[in-house]
Amino acid sequence: MVAAKIKDLAKKLLAEKDFENILKLIEDFNQPQCRRRARDELMAFVGVVPKRPLYYVVANIIHLPDFGTRDIIRYLGDYIDQIVRFTLEEKNFLSRWSKRPLGPNIIKLKKYIDNDLYECLCLFNLIYTQAKHDFNHYKDESLFDYKDAIYVIFITKRLANRLLPLSEKARDYNNSGKTLYKYDPVE
């Protein structure tokens, strides 16, 4: 069921070249002699800016295809969550250090984005929420596999590319600028 949501979101967001790159990476992960190159390519694509949480995504890519998929998807969701929070804060629609989860913040963001992006963010949030909270599956079965993680990496990058133009604070966060460090919860 999760894989179907990921594929639906991929169809909405990704270009043909993205699908080609994903299929090549999947093929490389299926060949033990090519895994290191596939990991390196995927880590370079993700990057480590902003350090948190993308640094954690890269740290988990090292473990693909065997494990780490849930954490990769969760940290990618944290990244989108931060971009949305900074965008709403800049629009004076969210106070600093809001404890609201991504879902309600997407609803607040709706007035600033087109309907297509809104629907994509809602679908992304369903995947992210499952990565954070759904531990109810059979022993020795994973909710996500390495293919899902690869797709979500590309999806996240495309979502970020659509969200970042909306907010200078989000762009500054994305570049590990002052925005990332200037918060004072006492303020």
Protein backbone atom coordinates (compact mmCIF):
# COMPACT_ATOMS: atom_id res chain seq x y z
CA MET A 1 0.00 0.00 0.00
CA VAL A 2 2.81 2.45 0.85
CA ALA A 3 4.67 1.59 -2.35
CA ALA A 4 1.55 2.50 -4.35
CA LYS A 5 1.41 5.94 -2.68
CA ILE A 6 5.07 6.48 -3.47
CA LYS A 7 4.57 5.49 -7.12
CA ASP A 8 1.52 7.80 -7.39
CA LEU A 9 3.51 10.71 -6.01
CA ALA A 10 6.45 9.91 -8.28
CA LYS A 11 4.17 10.04 -11.33
CA LYS A 12 2.98 13.50 -10.30
CA LEU A 13 6.40 15.00 -9.55
CA LEU A 14 9.19 13.26 -11.39
CA ALA A 15 10.47 13.76 -14.92
CA GLU A 16 11.35 10.95 -17.29
CA LYS A 17 15.05 11.51 -16.57
CA ASP A 18 14.37 11.00 -12.85
CA PHE A 19 12.73 7.66 -13.56
CA GLU A 20 15.70 6.64 -15.70
CA ASN A 21 18.12 7.58 -12.90
CA ILE A 22 16.03 5.72 -10.32
CA LEU A 23 15.86 2.56 -12.41
CA LYS A 24 19.61 2.69 -12.98
CA LEU A 25 20.25 3.06 -9.25
CA ILE A 26 17.92 0.16 -8.47
CA GLU A 27 19.70 -1.95 -11.06
CA ASP A 28 23.07 -1.03 -9.53
CA PHE A 29 21.88 -1.88 -6.02
CA ASN A 30 20.86 -5.32 -7.33
CA GLN A 31 24.45 -5.98 -8.42
CA PRO A 32 26.81 -6.27 -5.43
CA GLN A 33 29.79 -5.06 -7.46
CA CYS A 34 27.91 -1.82 -8.32
CA ARG A 35 26.44 -1.00 -4.91
CA ARG A 36 29.24 1.26 -3.77
CA ARG A 37 28.94 3.41 -6.89
CA ALA A 38 25.15 3.50 -6.51
CA ARG A 39 25.46 4.60 -2.87
CA ASP A 40 27.99 7.28 -3.81
CA GLU A 41 25.73 8.62 -6.57
CA LEU A 42 22.72 8.67 -4.29
CA MET A 43 24.66 10.39 -1.48
CA ALA A 44 25.95 13.02 -3.91
CA PHE A 45 22.40 13.62 -5.19
CA VAL A 46 21.06 14.11 -1.65
CA GLY A 47 23.98 16.25 -0.47
CA VAL A 48 24.56 17.23 3.13
CA VAL A 49 23.16 20.74 3.11
CA PRO A 50 21.28 21.48 5.25
CA LYS A 51 23.33 19.30 7.55
CA ARG A 52 20.35 18.28 9.62
CA PRO A 53 18.48 16.23 8.50
CA LEU A 54 20.11 15.46 5.14
CA TYR A 55 23.36 14.43 6.79
CA TYR A 56 21.35 11.71 8.54
CA VAL A 57 19.82 10.61 5.24
CA VAL A 58 23.29 10.20 3.75
CA ALA A 59 24.46 8.29 6.83
CA ASN A 60 21.64 5.80 6.29
CA ILE A 61 22.19 5.44 2.54
CA ILE A 62 25.40 3.62 3.43
CA HIS A 63 23.27 0.73 4.70
CA LEU A 64 21.16 0.31 1.57
CA PRO A 65 19.83 -2.03 0.29
CA ASP A 66 19.77 -4.03 3.54
CA PHE A 67 18.32 -1.58 6.07
CA GLY A 68 17.85 2.09 6.93
CA THR A 69 14.92 2.78 4.64
CA ARG A 70 12.46 3.91 7.32
CA ASP A 71 14.98 6.37 8.75
CA ILE A 72 15.83 7.73 5.30
CA ILE A 73 12.16 8.43 4.59
CA ARG A 74 11.55 9.87 8.05
CA TYR A 75 14.52 12.27 7.77
CA LEU A 76 13.44 13.31 4.28
CA GLY A 77 10.05 14.12 5.75
CA ASP A 78 11.73 16.15 8.48
CA TYR A 79 13.48 18.14 5.74
CA ILE A 80 10.21 19.00 3.98
CA ASP A 81 8.61 19.72 7.36
CA GLN A 82 11.33 22.29 8.09
CA ILE A 83 10.95 23.96 4.70
CA VAL A 84 7.20 24.26 5.24
CA ARG A 85 7.70 25.66 8.77
CA PHE A 86 10.17 28.31 7.62
CA THR A 87 7.87 29.26 4.74
CA LEU A 88 4.90 29.68 7.08
CA GLU A 89 6.98 31.61 9.59
CA GLU A 90 8.11 34.00 6.88
CA LYS A 91 4.50 34.51 5.86
CA ASN A 92 3.80 35.39 9.54
CA PHE A 93 1.43 32.48 9.72
CA LEU A 94 3.32 30.32 12.17
CA SER A 95 5.06 31.27 15.38
CA ARG A 96 8.61 30.21 16.06
CA TRP A 97 9.09 26.69 17.31
CA SER A 98 5.54 25.68 16.54
CA LYS A 99 4.85 22.14 17.63
CA ARG A 100 2.32 21.51 14.88
CA PRO A 101 3.06 18.49 12.69
CA LEU A 102 3.49 18.70 8.94
CA GLY A 103 -0.13 17.85 8.09
CA PRO A 104 -1.75 20.88 9.74
CA ASN A 105 1.07 23.09 8.44
CA ILE A 106 0.38 21.90 4.89
CA ILE A 107 -3.23 22.99 5.36
CA LYS A 108 -2.01 26.44 6.49
CA LEU A 109 0.35 26.59 3.50
CA LYS A 110 -2.46 25.83 1.03
CA LYS A 111 -3.29 29.49 0.46
CA TYR A 112 0.27 30.14 -0.80
CA ILE A 113 0.62 27.19 -3.20
CA ASP A 114 -1.17 25.74 -6.19
CA ASN A 115 -3.56 22.82 -5.77
CA ASP A 116 -1.21 20.34 -7.45
CA LEU A 117 1.60 21.07 -4.98
CA TYR A 118 -0.88 20.92 -2.11
CA GLU A 119 -2.06 17.45 -3.18
CA CYS A 120 1.53 16.26 -3.57
CA LEU A 121 2.42 17.52 -0.09
CA CYS A 122 -0.62 15.79 1.40
CA LEU A 123 0.35 12.49 -0.23
CA PHE A 124 3.97 12.96 0.87
CA ASN A 125 2.76 13.57 4.43
CA LEU A 126 0.92 10.21 4.43
CA ILE A 127 4.19 8.45 3.54
CA TYR A 128 6.16 10.49 6.08
CA THR A 129 3.63 9.77 8.82
CA GLN A 130 3.85 6.06 8.17
CA ALA A 131 7.64 6.23 8.36
CA LYS A 132 7.36 7.92 11.75
CA HIS A 133 4.52 5.95 13.31
CA ASP A 134 3.58 2.69 11.58
CA PHE A 135 5.34 -0.17 13.30
CA ASN A 136 2.42 -2.56 12.98
CA HIS A 137 3.63 -5.10 10.44
CA TYR A 138 4.74 -8.70 10.52
CA LYS A 139 8.07 -9.79 11.93
CA ASP A 140 10.88 -9.68 9.38
CA GLU A 141 8.84 -7.51 7.02
CA SER A 142 9.78 -3.94 6.32
CA LEU A 143 7.31 -1.18 5.63
CA PHE A 144 9.69 0.29 3.05
CA ASP A 145 12.34 -1.28 0.86
CA TYR A 146 15.39 0.31 -0.71
CA LYS A 147 13.47 1.05 -3.93
CA ASP A 148 10.92 3.05 -1.95
CA ALA A 149 13.73 5.00 -0.30
CA ILE A 150 15.30 5.83 -3.66
CA TYR A 151 11.97 7.04 -5.04
CA VAL A 152 11.30 9.16 -1.96
CA ILE A 153 14.75 10.74 -2.21
CA PHE A 154 13.94 11.96 -5.73
CA ILE A 155 10.41 12.98 -4.73
CA THR A 156 11.75 15.00 -1.79
CA LYS A 157 14.26 16.85 -3.94
CA ARG A 158 11.53 17.78 -6.43
CA LEU A 159 9.16 18.91 -3.67
CA ALA A 160 11.92 21.03 -2.14
CA ASN A 161 12.63 22.57 -5.55
CA ARG A 162 8.99 23.64 -5.76
CA LEU A 163 8.77 24.91 -2.17
CA LEU A 164 12.05 26.80 -1.82
CA PRO A 165 11.17 29.68 -4.18
CA LEU A 166 8.32 30.57 -1.81
CA SER A 167 10.50 31.61 1.10
CA GLU A 168 13.81 33.35 1.68
CA LYS A 169 14.02 31.81 5.17
CA ALA A 170 13.47 28.32 3.73
CA ARG A 171 16.20 28.94 1.14
CA ASP A 172 18.54 30.18 3.86
CA TYR A 173 17.79 27.06 5.93
CA ASN A 174 18.36 24.93 2.85
CA ASN A 175 21.81 26.49 2.43
CA SER A 176 22.65 26.03 6.13
CA GLY A 177 22.48 29.78 6.62
CA LYS A 178 21.78 31.83 9.73
CA THR A 179 18.11 30.85 9.74
CA LEU A 180 19.06 27.38 10.89
CA TYR A 181 20.90 28.60 13.96
CA LYS A 182 19.27 31.84 15.10
CA TYR A 183 16.25 30.40 16.89
CA ASP A 184 15.95 30.99 20.57
CA PRO A 185 12.97 29.18 22.09
CA VAL A 186 12.99 31.63 25.01
CA GLU A 187 12.51 34.57 22.64
